[in-house]
Amino acid sequence: MDGARAQGTDNVIYASQVTPEQLRLEEALRRELQGGDGLRSAYEGYNALLASKPQYATHFGARLGSVEELTRRSPESRGWTTRT
């Protein structure tokens, strides 16, 4: 954290390892999306909302000095970023 630019909770990220329970839930949802019309339809509607109004989604932001800093710190993040 840059002490000169510190503003309370800016630059703070909380993360945790995925649990087996979450993985089971995500796998069940993935299977339902492939085979069930009700869940697929709900997902498509939500996905359309996210495309038009992304501020309504659960999301996070991170502020780094540059995209290069992100990929240096986290090589697997290549391709995750957009410049605004």
C-alpha atoms as a PDB file:
ATOM      1  CA  MET A   1       0.000   0.000   0.000  1.00  0.00           C
ATOM      2  CA  ASP A   2       1.282   3.403  -0.923  1.00  0.00           C
ATOM      3  CA  GLY A   3       1.289   5.380   2.319  1.00  0.00           C
ATOM      4  CA  ALA A   4       1.310   8.665   0.436  1.00  0.00           C
ATOM      5  CA  ARG A   5      -1.961   7.746  -1.286  1.00  0.00           C
ATOM      6  CA  ALA A   6      -3.561   5.667   1.487  1.00  0.00           C
ATOM      7  CA  GLN A   7      -7.279   6.288   1.867  1.00  0.00           C
ATOM      8  CA  GLY A   8      -8.688   3.926   4.460  1.00  0.00           C
ATOM      9  CA  THR A   9      -9.767   0.739   2.730  1.00  0.00           C
ATOM     10  CA  ASP A  10      -8.306   1.578  -0.685  1.00  0.00           C
ATOM     11  CA  ASN A  11      -5.786  -0.967  -1.882  1.00  0.00           C
ATOM     12  CA  VAL A  12      -7.112  -3.753   0.383  1.00  0.00           C
ATOM     13  CA  ILE A  13      -7.976  -7.163  -1.083  1.00  0.00           C
ATOM     14  CA  TYR A  14      -9.496 -10.048   0.839  1.00  0.00           C
ATOM     15  CA  ALA A  15      -9.248 -13.485  -0.703  1.00  0.00           C
ATOM     16  CA  SER A  16      -9.738 -17.034   0.465  1.00  0.00           C
ATOM     17  CA  GLN A  17      -9.176 -20.484  -0.921  1.00  0.00           C
ATOM     18  CA  VAL A  18     -12.203 -22.117  -2.504  1.00  0.00           C
ATOM     19  CA  THR A  19     -13.838 -24.711  -0.257  1.00  0.00           C
ATOM     20  CA  PRO A  20     -14.952 -28.194  -1.338  1.00  0.00           C
ATOM     21  CA  GLU A  21     -18.552 -27.111  -0.627  1.00  0.00           C
ATOM     22  CA  GLN A  22     -18.283 -24.189  -3.018  1.00  0.00           C
ATOM     23  CA  LEU A  23     -16.726 -26.384  -5.686  1.00  0.00           C
ATOM     24  CA  ARG A  24     -19.599 -28.883  -5.388  1.00  0.00           C
ATOM     25  CA  LEU A  25     -22.141 -26.076  -5.723  1.00  0.00           C
ATOM     26  CA  GLU A  26     -20.396 -24.606  -8.757  1.00  0.00           C
ATOM     27  CA  GLU A  27     -20.194 -28.021 -10.433  1.00  0.00           C
ATOM     28  CA  ALA A  28     -23.917 -28.625  -9.803  1.00  0.00           C
ATOM     29  CA  LEU A  29     -24.750 -25.228 -11.285  1.00  0.00           C
ATOM     30  CA  ARG A  30     -22.535 -25.946 -14.298  1.00  0.00           C
ATOM     31  CA  ARG A  31     -24.341 -29.256 -14.911  1.00  0.00           C
ATOM     32  CA  GLU A  32     -27.751 -27.591 -14.599  1.00  0.00           C
ATOM     33  CA  LEU A  33     -26.764 -24.817 -17.001  1.00  0.00           C
ATOM     34  CA  GLN A  34     -25.877 -27.468 -19.562  1.00  0.00           C
ATOM     35  CA  GLY A  35     -29.098 -29.438 -19.204  1.00  0.00           C
ATOM     36  CA  GLY A  36     -31.849 -27.385 -17.586  1.00  0.00           C
ATOM     37  CA  ASP A  37     -33.850 -24.699 -19.364  1.00  0.00           C
ATOM     38  CA  GLY A  38     -35.009 -22.870 -16.213  1.00  0.00           C
ATOM     39  CA  LEU A  39     -31.582 -22.199 -14.808  1.00  0.00           C
ATOM     40  CA  ARG A  40     -30.126 -21.519 -18.245  1.00  0.00           C
ATOM     41  CA  SER A  41     -32.849 -18.958 -18.944  1.00  0.00           C
ATOM     42  CA  ALA A  42     -32.264 -17.237 -15.601  1.00  0.00           C
ATOM     43  CA  TYR A  43     -28.524 -17.179 -16.236  1.00  0.00           C
ATOM     44  CA  GLU A  44     -28.969 -15.732 -19.729  1.00  0.00           C
ATOM     45  CA  GLY A  45     -31.167 -12.945 -18.330  1.00  0.00           C
ATOM     46  CA  TYR A  46     -28.677 -12.173 -15.578  1.00  0.00           C
ATOM     47  CA  ASN A  47     -25.777 -12.304 -18.015  1.00  0.00           C
ATOM     48  CA  ALA A  48     -27.597  -9.834 -20.282  1.00  0.00           C
ATOM     49  CA  LEU A  49     -28.106  -7.525 -17.293  1.00  0.00           C
ATOM     50  CA  LEU A  50     -24.398  -7.716 -16.477  1.00  0.00           C
ATOM     51  CA  ALA A  51     -23.506  -6.822 -20.047  1.00  0.00           C
ATOM     52  CA  SER A  52     -25.685  -3.711 -19.938  1.00  0.00           C
ATOM     53  CA  LYS A  53     -25.300  -2.716 -16.249  1.00  0.00           C
ATOM     54  CA  PRO A  54     -22.181  -4.349 -14.796  1.00  0.00           C
ATOM     55  CA  GLN A  55     -22.399  -2.218 -11.654  1.00  0.00           C
ATOM     56  CA  TYR A  56     -25.220  -4.516 -10.450  1.00  0.00           C
ATOM     57  CA  ALA A  57     -22.900  -7.519 -10.198  1.00  0.00           C
ATOM     58  CA  THR A  58     -20.710  -8.657  -7.373  1.00  0.00           C
ATOM     59  CA  HIS A  59     -17.319  -7.404  -8.402  1.00  0.00           C
ATOM     60  CA  PHE A  60     -14.048  -6.093  -7.152  1.00  0.00           C
ATOM     61  CA  GLY A  61     -11.531  -3.596  -8.275  1.00  0.00           C
ATOM     62  CA  ALA A  62      -7.807  -3.383  -7.760  1.00  0.00           C
ATOM     63  CA  ARG A  63      -5.626  -0.389  -8.298  1.00  0.00           C
ATOM     64  CA  LEU A  64      -2.059  -1.050  -9.316  1.00  0.00           C
ATOM     65  CA  GLY A  65       0.517   1.203 -10.867  1.00  0.00           C
ATOM     66  CA  SER A  66       0.222  -0.572 -14.224  1.00  0.00           C
ATOM     67  CA  VAL A  67      -1.042  -3.687 -15.994  1.00  0.00           C
ATOM     68  CA  GLU A  68       2.583  -4.759 -16.162  1.00  0.00           C
ATOM     69  CA  GLU A  69       2.754  -4.681 -12.358  1.00  0.00           C
ATOM     70  CA  LEU A  70      -0.273  -6.981 -12.148  1.00  0.00           C
ATOM     71  CA  THR A  71       1.145  -9.519 -14.582  1.00  0.00           C
ATOM     72  CA  ARG A  72       4.529  -9.385 -12.879  1.00  0.00           C
ATOM     73  CA  ARG A  73       2.934 -10.078  -9.481  1.00  0.00           C
ATOM     74  CA  SER A  74       0.434 -12.599 -10.842  1.00  0.00           C
ATOM     75  CA  PRO A  75       1.501 -14.149 -14.176  1.00  0.00           C
ATOM     76  CA  GLU A  76      -1.752 -16.168 -14.416  1.00  0.00           C
ATOM     77  CA  SER A  77      -3.657 -12.888 -14.653  1.00  0.00           C
ATOM     78  CA  ARG A  78      -2.547 -12.253 -18.246  1.00  0.00           C
ATOM     79  CA  GLY A  79      -5.668 -11.523 -20.274  1.00  0.00           C
ATOM     80  CA  TRP A  80      -7.820 -10.627 -17.261  1.00  0.00           C
ATOM     81  CA  THR A  81      -7.385  -6.892 -17.506  1.00  0.00           C
ATOM     82  CA  THR A  82      -9.045  -4.110 -19.393  1.00  0.00           C
ATOM     83  CA  ARG A  83      -7.811  -0.567 -19.619  1.00  0.00           C
ATOM     84  CA  THR A  84     -10.269   2.201 -18.866  1.00  0.00           C
END
